Amino acid sequence: MRTSRPHEEGGAGEGHAGGRQWARADATRHALLAAAQRVFADRGYADAGIAEIVERSGISVGSLYHHYGGKAGLYVALWEELTAEQEESAARAVSTARKAGEDDPIALFIAGARAYLQVCWERREAARLFHGGEGPSGSSLMRRSRAQRWMAQNTKLLHGTSGAAPAGRAGQVLSLVLTTVIGEAGREIATAESETEAAEIIDEVCRILIRLAR
């Protein structure tokens, strides 16, 4: 009778091996990103070297190029990781507020803004990397595209079903102003001296946003 072997398709051994391989790849990516973040913070993007990233990560240069294609790929991956966490945190906060019965578009917007700003503090080491505008070719366009998408989402949220925000051009301008305030506040929060200072900035920014939105 033919018996299944671990390496054969569908075998239990393959599943375990695949899981281990995925875990190793995930650990490799994490180590490379953590090292790149430190080197970018210490040297700036332009002066950061692949050799130092490899040395700090303990990962081979071949693995770096395999996973990220080079220094620019590491920068983009760090950016995408941070922005995804900011957006997911804001979306969760809005969803939680809705489930709790909140239906005021401005209150929902403030809940999302507060969550976004909190991530700016919690991930301040990463957030600081992108404040100076330094980065690979195309990074400015990447940031502008993200800002435009974010503004469109905020416009939709603020308008809501009750039309809390003005429609048309006025609504777009209001969303632009509020989104810009949040973005600039994120810079200040990421460079705050302490968690207490960051919390104070977040509270004040939310008060300003409410006044502007109403």
N, C-alpha and C. Protein backbone atom coordinates (compact mmCIF):
# COMPACT_ATOMS: atom_id res chain seq x y z
N MET A 1 0.86 -1.19 0.00
CA MET A 1 0.00 0.00 0.00
C MET A 1 0.89 1.23 0.00
N ARG A 2 0.57 2.19 -0.85
CA ARG A 2 1.34 3.42 -0.96
C ARG A 2 0.98 4.34 0.19
N THR A 3 1.98 4.84 0.89
CA THR A 3 1.74 5.76 1.99
C THR A 3 2.20 7.16 1.61
N SER A 4 1.54 8.11 2.22
CA SER A 4 1.86 9.51 1.95
C SER A 4 3.17 9.87 2.63
N ARG A 5 3.99 10.68 1.95
CA ARG A 5 5.24 11.15 2.52
C ARG A 5 5.10 12.63 2.86
N PRO A 6 5.88 13.11 3.82
CA PRO A 6 5.74 14.50 4.25
C PRO A 6 5.91 15.51 3.13
N HIS A 7 6.77 15.19 2.15
CA HIS A 7 7.03 16.19 1.12
C HIS A 7 6.02 16.15 -0.01
N GLU A 8 5.13 15.17 0.00
CA GLU A 8 4.19 15.06 -1.09
C GLU A 8 3.06 16.06 -0.90
N GLU A 9 2.41 16.40 -2.00
CA GLU A 9 1.34 17.38 -1.97
C GLU A 9 0.24 16.92 -1.03
N GLY A 10 -0.18 17.81 -0.16
CA GLY A 10 -1.24 17.51 0.77
C GLY A 10 -0.75 16.86 2.03
N GLY A 11 0.53 16.48 2.10
CA GLY A 11 1.06 15.83 3.28
C GLY A 11 1.18 16.80 4.44
N ALA A 12 1.09 16.26 5.66
CA ALA A 12 1.16 17.12 6.83
C ALA A 12 2.51 17.80 6.93
N GLY A 13 3.57 17.07 6.53
CA GLY A 13 4.91 17.64 6.63
C GLY A 13 5.05 18.89 5.78
N GLU A 14 4.38 18.89 4.62
CA GLU A 14 4.49 20.06 3.74
C GLU A 14 3.85 21.27 4.39
N GLY A 15 2.73 21.02 5.07
CA GLY A 15 2.08 22.14 5.73
C GLY A 15 2.95 22.74 6.80
N HIS A 16 3.58 21.87 7.60
CA HIS A 16 4.47 22.37 8.64
C HIS A 16 5.67 23.08 8.03
N ALA A 17 6.22 22.49 6.97
CA ALA A 17 7.39 23.10 6.32
C ALA A 17 7.02 24.45 5.72
N GLY A 18 5.83 24.50 5.08
CA GLY A 18 5.39 25.76 4.50
C GLY A 18 5.19 26.83 5.56
N GLY A 19 4.64 26.40 6.71
CA GLY A 19 4.45 27.35 7.81
C GLY A 19 5.77 27.87 8.34
N ARG A 20 6.73 26.96 8.48
CA ARG A 20 8.05 27.38 8.96
C ARG A 20 8.72 28.32 7.96
N GLN A 21 8.58 28.00 6.68
CA GLN A 21 9.19 28.84 5.65
C GLN A 21 8.57 30.24 5.66
N TRP A 22 7.23 30.29 5.80
CA TRP A 22 6.56 31.59 5.86
C TRP A 22 7.01 32.37 7.07
N ALA A 23 7.12 31.69 8.23
CA ALA A 23 7.55 32.36 9.45
C ALA A 23 8.96 32.90 9.32
N ARG A 24 9.85 32.11 8.68
CA ARG A 24 11.22 32.59 8.47
C ARG A 24 11.24 33.82 7.57
N ALA A 25 10.46 33.78 6.50
CA ALA A 25 10.41 34.92 5.58
C ALA A 25 9.86 36.15 6.27
N ASP A 26 8.85 35.95 7.11
CA ASP A 26 8.25 37.06 7.84
C ASP A 26 9.27 37.65 8.81
N ALA A 27 10.01 36.79 9.50
CA ALA A 27 11.04 37.26 10.43
C ALA A 27 12.15 38.00 9.68
N THR A 28 12.48 37.52 8.49
CA THR A 28 13.50 38.19 7.67
C THR A 28 13.04 39.59 7.28
N ARG A 29 11.81 39.69 6.81
CA ARG A 29 11.28 41.00 6.41
C ARG A 29 11.24 41.95 7.61
N HIS A 30 10.81 41.44 8.75
CA HIS A 30 10.73 42.27 9.94
C HIS A 30 12.11 42.78 10.34
N ALA A 31 13.10 41.91 10.32
CA ALA A 31 14.46 42.31 10.69
C ALA A 31 15.01 43.35 9.73
N LEU A 32 14.76 43.18 8.46
CA LEU A 32 15.24 44.15 7.46
C LEU A 32 14.57 45.51 7.64
N LEU A 33 13.26 45.51 7.87
CA LEU A 33 12.55 46.78 8.05
C LEU A 33 12.99 47.49 9.32
N ALA A 34 13.16 46.72 10.40
CA ALA A 34 13.60 47.33 11.65
C ALA A 34 14.99 47.95 11.50
N ALA A 35 15.89 47.24 10.82
CA ALA A 35 17.24 47.77 10.61
C ALA A 35 17.21 48.99 9.69
N ALA A 36 16.41 48.92 8.63
CA ALA A 36 16.31 50.05 7.70
C ALA A 36 15.78 51.28 8.41
N GLN A 37 14.78 51.10 9.27
CA GLN A 37 14.22 52.23 10.01
C GLN A 37 15.28 52.90 10.87
N ARG A 38 16.10 52.10 11.54
CA ARG A 38 17.16 52.66 12.38
C ARG A 38 18.21 53.39 11.55
N VAL A 39 18.61 52.79 10.44
CA VAL A 39 19.64 53.41 9.61
C VAL A 39 19.11 54.68 8.95
N PHE A 40 17.89 54.67 8.45
CA PHE A 40 17.30 55.87 7.86
C PHE A 40 17.22 56.98 8.91
N ALA A 41 16.85 56.61 10.15
CA ALA A 41 16.75 57.61 11.21
C ALA A 41 18.12 58.19 11.56
N ASP A 42 19.14 57.36 11.55
CA ASP A 42 20.48 57.81 11.92
C ASP A 42 21.17 58.59 10.81
N ARG A 43 20.99 58.14 9.56
CA ARG A 43 21.77 58.70 8.45
C ARG A 43 20.96 59.60 7.51
N GLY A 44 19.64 59.45 7.54
CA GLY A 44 18.84 60.06 6.49
C GLY A 44 18.79 59.12 5.30
N TYR A 45 17.75 59.24 4.48
CA TYR A 45 17.62 58.28 3.38
C TYR A 45 18.80 58.33 2.43
N ALA A 46 19.21 59.54 2.04
CA ALA A 46 20.24 59.68 1.02
C ALA A 46 21.56 59.04 1.45
N ASP A 47 21.92 59.16 2.72
CA ASP A 47 23.21 58.68 3.20
C ASP A 47 23.14 57.27 3.77
N ALA A 48 21.95 56.71 3.84
CA ALA A 48 21.82 55.33 4.36
C ALA A 48 22.42 54.35 3.36
N GLY A 49 23.15 53.37 3.87
CA GLY A 49 23.79 52.41 2.98
C GLY A 49 23.23 51.01 3.16
N ILE A 50 23.16 50.30 2.06
CA ILE A 50 22.68 48.91 2.10
C ILE A 50 23.55 48.06 3.03
N ALA A 51 24.88 48.30 2.99
CA ALA A 51 25.80 47.49 3.80
C ALA A 51 25.48 47.62 5.28
N GLU A 52 25.17 48.83 5.73
CA GLU A 52 24.87 49.02 7.15
C GLU A 52 23.54 48.38 7.52
N ILE A 53 22.56 48.47 6.63
CA ILE A 53 21.27 47.83 6.89
C ILE A 53 21.44 46.33 7.02
N VAL A 54 22.22 45.76 6.12
CA VAL A 54 22.49 44.32 6.16
C VAL A 54 23.21 43.95 7.45
N GLU A 55 24.20 44.75 7.83
CA GLU A 55 24.97 44.45 9.04
C GLU A 55 24.07 44.50 10.28
N ARG A 56 23.24 45.52 10.38
CA ARG A 56 22.37 45.67 11.56
C ARG A 56 21.28 44.60 11.62
N SER A 57 20.81 44.20 10.47
CA SER A 57 19.72 43.22 10.44
C SER A 57 20.21 41.79 10.65
N GLY A 58 21.46 41.53 10.27
CA GLY A 58 21.97 40.17 10.32
C GLY A 58 21.44 39.31 9.19
N ILE A 59 20.84 39.95 8.18
CA ILE A 59 20.27 39.25 7.02
C ILE A 59 21.18 39.47 5.82
N SER A 60 21.23 38.52 4.92
CA SER A 60 22.11 38.63 3.77
C SER A 60 21.62 39.69 2.80
N VAL A 61 22.58 40.25 2.06
CA VAL A 61 22.22 41.25 1.06
C VAL A 61 21.32 40.66 -0.02
N GLY A 62 21.53 39.37 -0.31
CA GLY A 62 20.68 38.70 -1.29
C GLY A 62 19.23 38.66 -0.85
N SER A 63 18.99 38.40 0.43
CA SER A 63 17.63 38.37 0.96
C SER A 63 17.00 39.76 0.91
N LEU A 64 17.81 40.77 1.19
CA LEU A 64 17.30 42.15 1.12
C LEU A 64 16.78 42.46 -0.27
N TYR A 65 17.59 42.16 -1.28
CA TYR A 65 17.16 42.44 -2.65
C TYR A 65 16.01 41.53 -3.07
N HIS A 66 15.98 40.31 -2.55
CA HIS A 66 14.89 39.39 -2.89
C HIS A 66 13.56 39.92 -2.38
N HIS A 67 13.54 40.42 -1.15
CA HIS A 67 12.28 40.84 -0.53
C HIS A 67 11.89 42.28 -0.91
N TYR A 68 12.89 43.16 -1.07
CA TYR A 68 12.56 44.57 -1.24
C TYR A 68 13.19 45.24 -2.46
N GLY A 69 14.09 44.57 -3.12
CA GLY A 69 14.66 45.12 -4.34
C GLY A 69 15.68 46.21 -4.13
N GLY A 70 15.93 46.60 -2.89
CA GLY A 70 16.92 47.64 -2.63
C GLY A 70 16.43 48.63 -1.58
N LYS A 71 17.17 49.72 -1.45
CA LYS A 71 16.90 50.73 -0.43
C LYS A 71 15.53 51.39 -0.62
N ALA A 72 15.19 51.71 -1.85
CA ALA A 72 13.91 52.36 -2.12
C ALA A 72 12.74 51.47 -1.72
N GLY A 73 12.87 50.19 -1.98
CA GLY A 73 11.80 49.27 -1.61
C GLY A 73 11.60 49.19 -0.11
N LEU A 74 12.68 49.28 0.65
CA LEU A 74 12.58 49.30 2.11
C LEU A 74 11.85 50.55 2.58
N TYR A 75 12.19 51.68 1.99
CA TYR A 75 11.55 52.95 2.35
C TYR A 75 10.05 52.88 2.09
N VAL A 76 9.69 52.41 0.90
CA VAL A 76 8.27 52.32 0.54
C VAL A 76 7.53 51.36 1.47
N ALA A 77 8.17 50.25 1.80
CA ALA A 77 7.54 49.27 2.69
C ALA A 77 7.30 49.86 4.07
N LEU A 78 8.26 50.62 4.59
CA LEU A 78 8.07 51.28 5.88
C LEU A 78 6.94 52.30 5.82
N TRP A 79 6.88 53.03 4.73
CA TRP A 79 5.80 54.01 4.54
C TRP A 79 4.44 53.33 4.47
N GLU A 80 4.35 52.27 3.70
CA GLU A 80 3.08 51.56 3.56
C GLU A 80 2.64 50.93 4.87
N GLU A 81 3.61 50.41 5.63
CA GLU A 81 3.29 49.80 6.92
C GLU A 81 2.72 50.84 7.88
N LEU A 82 3.35 52.01 7.94
CA LEU A 82 2.88 53.07 8.84
C LEU A 82 1.52 53.60 8.42
N THR A 83 1.36 53.93 7.14
CA THR A 83 0.09 54.50 6.69
C THR A 83 -1.06 53.50 6.82
N ALA A 84 -0.76 52.23 6.60
CA ALA A 84 -1.80 51.21 6.76
C ALA A 84 -2.25 51.14 8.22
N GLU A 85 -1.30 51.23 9.14
CA GLU A 85 -1.65 51.18 10.56
C GLU A 85 -2.46 52.42 10.95
N GLN A 86 -2.08 53.58 10.43
CA GLN A 86 -2.84 54.80 10.72
C GLN A 86 -4.27 54.71 10.19
N GLU A 87 -4.41 54.26 8.96
CA GLU A 87 -5.73 54.17 8.35
C GLU A 87 -6.60 53.12 9.03
N GLU A 88 -5.99 51.98 9.37
CA GLU A 88 -6.75 50.91 10.02
C GLU A 88 -7.19 51.33 11.42
N SER A 89 -6.32 52.04 12.14
CA SER A 89 -6.67 52.50 13.48
C SER A 89 -7.82 53.50 13.42
N ALA A 90 -7.76 54.43 12.46
CA ALA A 90 -8.82 55.41 12.30
C ALA A 90 -10.14 54.74 11.93
N ALA A 91 -10.08 53.79 11.01
CA ALA A 91 -11.30 53.10 10.57
C ALA A 91 -11.92 52.31 11.72
N ARG A 92 -11.10 51.67 12.54
CA ARG A 92 -11.61 50.92 13.70
C ARG A 92 -12.29 51.85 14.69
N ALA A 93 -11.69 53.02 14.91
CA ALA A 93 -12.26 53.97 15.86
C ALA A 93 -13.62 54.47 15.37
N VAL A 94 -13.73 54.76 14.09
CA VAL A 94 -15.01 55.21 13.52
C VAL A 94 -16.05 54.10 13.63
N SER A 95 -15.65 52.88 13.30
CA SER A 95 -16.56 51.74 13.38
C SER A 95 -17.04 51.51 14.81
N THR A 96 -16.11 51.60 15.77
CA THR A 96 -16.47 51.40 17.17
C THR A 96 -17.45 52.47 17.64
N ALA A 97 -17.20 53.71 17.23
CA ALA A 97 -18.11 54.80 17.61
C ALA A 97 -19.50 54.59 17.01
N ARG A 98 -19.55 54.14 15.78
CA ARG A 98 -20.84 53.87 15.13
C ARG A 98 -21.59 52.77 15.87
N LYS A 99 -20.88 51.70 16.22
CA LYS A 99 -21.52 50.58 16.93
C LYS A 99 -22.03 51.01 18.29
N ALA A 100 -21.39 52.02 18.88
CA ALA A 100 -21.82 52.54 20.17
C ALA A 100 -23.01 53.48 20.05
N GLY A 101 -23.45 53.73 18.81
CA GLY A 101 -24.63 54.56 18.59
C GLY A 101 -24.36 55.96 18.11
N GLU A 102 -23.09 56.31 17.92
CA GLU A 102 -22.75 57.65 17.44
C GLU A 102 -23.09 57.78 15.96
N ASP A 103 -23.83 58.84 15.60
CA ASP A 103 -24.17 59.05 14.19
C ASP A 103 -23.86 60.47 13.72
N ASP A 104 -23.27 61.28 14.59
CA ASP A 104 -22.88 62.63 14.19
C ASP A 104 -21.60 62.53 13.36
N PRO A 105 -21.62 62.96 12.10
CA PRO A 105 -20.43 62.83 11.24
C PRO A 105 -19.19 63.51 11.81
N ILE A 106 -19.38 64.65 12.48
CA ILE A 106 -18.22 65.34 13.04
C ILE A 106 -17.63 64.54 14.19
N ALA A 107 -18.47 63.99 15.05
CA ALA A 107 -17.97 63.17 16.14
C ALA A 107 -17.25 61.93 15.61
N LEU A 108 -17.77 61.35 14.56
CA LEU A 108 -17.11 60.19 13.95
C LEU A 108 -15.76 60.59 13.35
N PHE A 109 -15.74 61.75 12.71
CA PHE A 109 -14.49 62.25 12.14
C PHE A 109 -13.45 62.47 13.22
N ILE A 110 -13.86 63.05 14.34
CA ILE A 110 -12.93 63.31 15.44
C ILE A 110 -12.42 62.00 16.04
N ALA A 111 -13.27 61.00 16.13
CA ALA A 111 -12.84 59.70 16.63
C ALA A 111 -11.74 59.12 15.75
N GLY A 112 -11.94 59.21 14.43
CA GLY A 112 -10.93 58.72 13.51
C GLY A 112 -9.65 59.53 13.57
N ALA A 113 -9.79 60.86 13.67
CA ALA A 113 -8.61 61.73 13.73
C ALA A 113 -7.80 61.46 14.98
N ARG A 114 -8.48 61.28 16.11
CA ARG A 114 -7.78 61.01 17.36
C ARG A 114 -6.98 59.70 17.27
N ALA A 115 -7.61 58.67 16.69
CA ALA A 115 -6.93 57.38 16.56
C ALA A 115 -5.71 57.50 15.64
N TYR A 116 -5.87 58.23 14.53
CA TYR A 116 -4.76 58.46 13.61
C TYR A 116 -3.60 59.15 14.33
N LEU A 117 -3.91 60.20 15.08
CA LEU A 117 -2.87 60.96 15.77
C LEU A 117 -2.20 60.14 16.87
N GLN A 118 -2.95 59.25 17.48
CA GLN A 118 -2.36 58.39 18.50
C GLN A 118 -1.29 57.48 17.90
N VAL A 119 -1.55 56.99 16.69
CA VAL A 119 -0.55 56.16 16.01
C VAL A 119 0.70 56.97 15.69
N CYS A 120 0.52 58.26 15.39
CA CYS A 120 1.68 59.11 15.14
C CYS A 120 2.62 59.13 16.34
N TRP A 121 2.06 59.05 17.54
CA TRP A 121 2.90 58.98 18.73
C TRP A 121 3.45 57.58 18.94
N GLU A 122 2.57 56.59 18.87
CA GLU A 122 2.99 55.21 19.13
C GLU A 122 4.05 54.74 18.13
N ARG A 123 3.96 55.22 16.90
CA ARG A 123 4.93 54.84 15.87
C ARG A 123 5.80 56.04 15.49
N ARG A 124 6.18 56.83 16.50
CA ARG A 124 6.88 58.10 16.24
C ARG A 124 8.21 57.91 15.55
N GLU A 125 8.93 56.83 15.87
CA GLU A 125 10.23 56.62 15.22
C GLU A 125 10.06 56.47 13.71
N ALA A 126 9.03 55.74 13.31
CA ALA A 126 8.77 55.58 11.88
C ALA A 126 8.20 56.86 11.29
N ALA A 127 7.28 57.51 12.01
CA ALA A 127 6.64 58.72 11.48
C ALA A 127 7.64 59.82 11.19
N ARG A 128 8.67 59.92 12.02
CA ARG A 128 9.67 60.98 11.82
C ARG A 128 10.43 60.83 10.50
N LEU A 129 10.52 59.62 10.01
CA LEU A 129 11.28 59.38 8.78
C LEU A 129 10.70 60.14 7.59
N PHE A 130 9.40 60.37 7.61
CA PHE A 130 8.73 60.89 6.42
C PHE A 130 8.37 62.37 6.53
N HIS A 131 8.81 63.03 7.59
CA HIS A 131 8.44 64.42 7.78
C HIS A 131 9.27 65.39 6.97
N GLY A 132 10.51 65.02 6.70
CA GLY A 132 11.39 65.94 6.00
C GLY A 132 11.22 65.95 4.49
N GLY A 133 10.45 65.03 3.97
CA GLY A 133 10.24 64.96 2.53
C GLY A 133 11.33 64.22 1.79
N GLU A 134 12.36 63.75 2.53
CA GLU A 134 13.44 63.02 1.89
C GLU A 134 12.97 61.61 1.54
N GLY A 135 13.48 61.07 0.47
CA GLY A 135 13.09 59.72 0.09
C GLY A 135 13.49 59.43 -1.35
N PRO A 136 13.18 58.25 -1.83
CA PRO A 136 13.54 57.89 -3.20
C PRO A 136 12.70 58.64 -4.22
N SER A 137 13.11 58.55 -5.46
CA SER A 137 12.36 59.17 -6.55
C SER A 137 10.93 58.64 -6.55
N GLY A 138 9.98 59.54 -6.65
CA GLY A 138 8.58 59.14 -6.67
C GLY A 138 7.90 59.16 -5.32
N SER A 139 8.67 59.37 -4.24
CA SER A 139 8.07 59.33 -2.91
C SER A 139 7.15 60.53 -2.67
N SER A 140 7.48 61.68 -3.26
CA SER A 140 6.61 62.85 -3.10
C SER A 140 5.24 62.60 -3.74
N LEU A 141 5.25 61.99 -4.91
CA LEU A 141 3.99 61.65 -5.57
C LEU A 141 3.21 60.64 -4.74
N MET A 142 3.91 59.69 -4.16
CA MET A 142 3.28 58.68 -3.31
C MET A 142 2.57 59.35 -2.13
N ARG A 143 3.22 60.33 -1.51
CA ARG A 143 2.62 61.03 -0.38
C ARG A 143 1.43 61.88 -0.82
N ARG A 144 1.55 62.54 -1.98
CA ARG A 144 0.44 63.36 -2.46
C ARG A 144 -0.77 62.50 -2.79
N SER A 145 -0.53 61.37 -3.41
CA SER A 145 -1.64 60.48 -3.77
C SER A 145 -2.36 59.98 -2.52
N ARG A 146 -1.58 59.65 -1.52
CA ARG A 146 -2.18 59.19 -0.27
C ARG A 146 -2.98 60.32 0.38
N ALA A 147 -2.45 61.55 0.36
CA ALA A 147 -3.15 62.69 0.95
C ALA A 147 -4.48 62.95 0.23
N GLN A 148 -4.48 62.83 -1.08
CA GLN A 148 -5.70 63.03 -1.85
C GLN A 148 -6.75 61.97 -1.52
N ARG A 149 -6.30 60.72 -1.39
CA ARG A 149 -7.23 59.64 -1.03
C ARG A 149 -7.80 59.86 0.36
N TRP A 150 -6.94 60.25 1.28
CA TRP A 150 -7.34 60.50 2.66
C TRP A 150 -8.35 61.65 2.72
N MET A 151 -8.08 62.71 1.94
CA MET A 151 -9.00 63.85 1.92
C MET A 151 -10.36 63.44 1.38
N ALA A 152 -10.37 62.60 0.35
CA ALA A 152 -11.65 62.13 -0.21
C ALA A 152 -12.43 61.32 0.81
N GLN A 153 -11.73 60.48 1.58
CA GLN A 153 -12.39 59.70 2.62
C GLN A 153 -12.95 60.60 3.71
N ASN A 154 -12.19 61.62 4.08
CA ASN A 154 -12.67 62.55 5.10
C ASN A 154 -13.87 63.35 4.62
N THR A 155 -13.86 63.75 3.35
CA THR A 155 -15.00 64.48 2.79
C THR A 155 -16.26 63.63 2.86
N LYS A 156 -16.13 62.37 2.51
CA LYS A 156 -17.27 61.45 2.54
C LYS A 156 -17.77 61.26 3.96
N LEU A 157 -16.85 61.09 4.91
CA LEU A 157 -17.23 60.89 6.30
C LEU A 157 -17.91 62.13 6.87
N LEU A 158 -17.34 63.30 6.60
CA LEU A 158 -17.89 64.54 7.15
C LEU A 158 -19.26 64.87 6.58
N HIS A 159 -19.45 64.58 5.31
CA HIS A 159 -20.74 64.88 4.69
C HIS A 159 -21.83 64.01 5.30
N GLY A 160 -21.51 62.73 5.48
CA GLY A 160 -22.43 61.81 6.16
C GLY A 160 -23.80 61.76 5.52
N THR A 161 -24.70 61.11 6.20
CA THR A 161 -26.08 61.03 5.68
C THR A 161 -26.87 62.27 6.05
N SER A 162 -26.38 63.04 7.05
CA SER A 162 -27.12 64.23 7.48
C SER A 162 -26.60 65.51 6.85
N GLY A 163 -25.56 65.37 6.01
CA GLY A 163 -25.02 66.56 5.36
C GLY A 163 -24.39 67.53 6.34
N ALA A 164 -23.62 67.03 7.31
CA ALA A 164 -23.03 67.89 8.34
C ALA A 164 -22.05 68.88 7.73
N ALA A 165 -21.33 68.46 6.73
CA ALA A 165 -20.38 69.34 6.06
C ALA A 165 -21.04 69.94 4.83
N PRO A 166 -20.61 71.14 4.44
CA PRO A 166 -21.19 71.74 3.24
C PRO A 166 -20.86 70.92 2.00
N ALA A 167 -21.74 70.97 1.05
CA ALA A 167 -21.54 70.19 -0.18
C ALA A 167 -20.68 70.99 -1.17
N GLY A 168 -20.28 70.33 -2.24
CA GLY A 168 -19.57 70.98 -3.33
C GLY A 168 -18.20 71.48 -2.94
N ARG A 169 -17.79 72.62 -3.54
CA ARG A 169 -16.46 73.16 -3.33
C ARG A 169 -16.20 73.49 -1.87
N ALA A 170 -17.20 74.05 -1.19
CA ALA A 170 -17.01 74.40 0.22
C ALA A 170 -16.69 73.17 1.05
N GLY A 171 -17.35 72.08 0.78
CA GLY A 171 -17.08 70.84 1.51
C GLY A 171 -15.69 70.31 1.24
N GLN A 172 -15.24 70.42 0.00
CA GLN A 172 -13.91 69.96 -0.36
C GLN A 172 -12.83 70.80 0.33
N VAL A 173 -13.06 72.12 0.37
CA VAL A 173 -12.10 73.01 1.02
C VAL A 173 -12.04 72.73 2.52
N LEU A 174 -13.21 72.53 3.14
CA LEU A 174 -13.24 72.21 4.57
C LEU A 174 -12.46 70.93 4.84
N SER A 175 -12.68 69.91 4.03
CA SER A 175 -11.96 68.66 4.20
C SER A 175 -10.47 68.85 4.02
N LEU A 176 -10.07 69.67 3.04
CA LEU A 176 -8.65 69.96 2.81
C LEU A 176 -8.04 70.60 4.04
N VAL A 177 -8.73 71.59 4.59
CA VAL A 177 -8.21 72.29 5.77
C VAL A 177 -8.06 71.34 6.96
N LEU A 178 -9.10 70.56 7.22
CA LEU A 178 -9.07 69.65 8.36
C LEU A 178 -8.00 68.57 8.19
N THR A 179 -7.90 68.04 6.98
CA THR A 179 -6.90 67.01 6.71
C THR A 179 -5.49 67.56 6.86
N THR A 180 -5.28 68.79 6.41
CA THR A 180 -3.98 69.43 6.54
C THR A 180 -3.62 69.66 8.00
N VAL A 181 -4.60 70.09 8.79
CA VAL A 181 -4.37 70.30 10.22
C VAL A 181 -3.93 68.99 10.88
N ILE A 182 -4.62 67.91 10.55
CA ILE A 182 -4.27 66.61 11.14
C ILE A 182 -2.86 66.19 10.73
N GLY A 183 -2.54 66.36 9.45
CA GLY A 183 -1.21 65.98 8.97
C GLY A 183 -0.10 66.75 9.65
N GLU A 184 -0.29 68.07 9.79
CA GLU A 184 0.74 68.89 10.44
C GLU A 184 0.82 68.57 11.93
N ALA A 185 -0.33 68.29 12.54
CA ALA A 185 -0.33 67.92 13.96
C ALA A 185 0.42 66.61 14.17
N GLY A 186 0.30 65.70 13.22
CA GLY A 186 1.01 64.44 13.32
C GLY A 186 2.51 64.63 13.40
N ARG A 187 3.02 65.63 12.69
CA ARG A 187 4.45 65.94 12.75
C ARG A 187 4.85 66.37 14.16
N GLU A 188 4.04 67.24 14.75
CA GLU A 188 4.35 67.73 16.10
C GLU A 188 4.26 66.62 17.13
N ILE A 189 3.27 65.76 16.99
CA ILE A 189 3.09 64.67 17.94
C ILE A 189 4.26 63.69 17.86
N ALA A 190 4.72 63.40 16.66
CA ALA A 190 5.82 62.44 16.49
C ALA A 190 7.12 62.95 17.10
N THR A 191 7.24 64.26 17.26
CA THR A 191 8.46 64.83 17.84
C THR A 191 8.23 65.34 19.26
N ALA A 192 7.10 65.00 19.86
CA ALA A 192 6.81 65.44 21.23
C ALA A 192 7.85 64.86 22.20
N GLU A 193 8.05 65.57 23.29
CA GLU A 193 9.06 65.17 24.28
C GLU A 193 8.59 64.01 25.14
N SER A 194 7.27 63.88 25.31
CA SER A 194 6.75 62.85 26.20
C SER A 194 5.35 62.45 25.78
N GLU A 195 4.87 61.35 26.35
CA GLU A 195 3.50 60.90 26.07
C GLU A 195 2.50 61.93 26.56
N THR A 196 2.80 62.58 27.69
CA THR A 196 1.90 63.61 28.22
C THR A 196 1.78 64.77 27.25
N GLU A 197 2.91 65.21 26.72
CA GLU A 197 2.88 66.31 25.75
C GLU A 197 2.11 65.90 24.49
N ALA A 198 2.34 64.68 24.04
CA ALA A 198 1.64 64.19 22.85
C ALA A 198 0.13 64.17 23.09
N ALA A 199 -0.28 63.71 24.26
CA ALA A 199 -1.71 63.65 24.59
C ALA A 199 -2.31 65.05 24.63
N GLU A 200 -1.57 66.01 25.16
CA GLU A 200 -2.06 67.39 25.21
C GLU A 200 -2.25 67.96 23.81
N ILE A 201 -1.29 67.67 22.93
CA ILE A 201 -1.40 68.14 21.54
C ILE A 201 -2.62 67.50 20.87
N ILE A 202 -2.81 66.20 21.06
CA ILE A 202 -3.94 65.51 20.45
C ILE A 202 -5.25 66.12 20.93
N ASP A 203 -5.38 66.37 22.23
CA ASP A 203 -6.61 66.95 22.76
C ASP A 203 -6.87 68.33 22.16
N GLU A 204 -5.83 69.15 22.08
CA GLU A 204 -6.00 70.50 21.55
C GLU A 204 -6.34 70.47 20.06
N VAL A 205 -5.69 69.59 19.32
CA VAL A 205 -5.99 69.48 17.89
C VAL A 205 -7.44 69.06 17.68
N CYS A 206 -7.92 68.13 18.48
CA CYS A 206 -9.31 67.69 18.34
C CYS A 206 -10.28 68.83 18.65
N ARG A 207 -9.96 69.66 19.64
CA ARG A 207 -10.80 70.82 19.94
C ARG A 207 -10.83 71.79 18.76
N ILE A 208 -9.66 72.00 18.16
CA ILE A 208 -9.59 72.90 17.00
C ILE A 208 -10.37 72.32 15.83
N LEU A 209 -10.25 71.03 15.60
CA LEU A 209 -10.97 70.39 14.50
C LEU A 209 -12.48 70.53 14.67
N ILE A 210 -12.95 70.37 15.89
CA ILE A 210 -14.39 70.49 16.14
C ILE A 210 -14.85 71.92 15.81
N ARG A 211 -14.08 72.92 16.26
CA ARG A 211 -14.47 74.30 15.98
C ARG A 211 -14.47 74.59 14.49
N LEU A 212 -13.46 74.10 13.79
CA LEU A 212 -13.41 74.33 12.34
C LEU A 212 -14.54 73.60 11.61
N ALA A 213 -14.81 72.38 12.03
CA ALA A 213 -15.81 71.56 11.33
C ALA A 213 -17.22 72.10 11.51
N ARG A 214 -17.49 72.72 12.65
CA ARG A 214 -18.84 73.21 12.91
C ARG A 214 -19.03 74.62 12.40
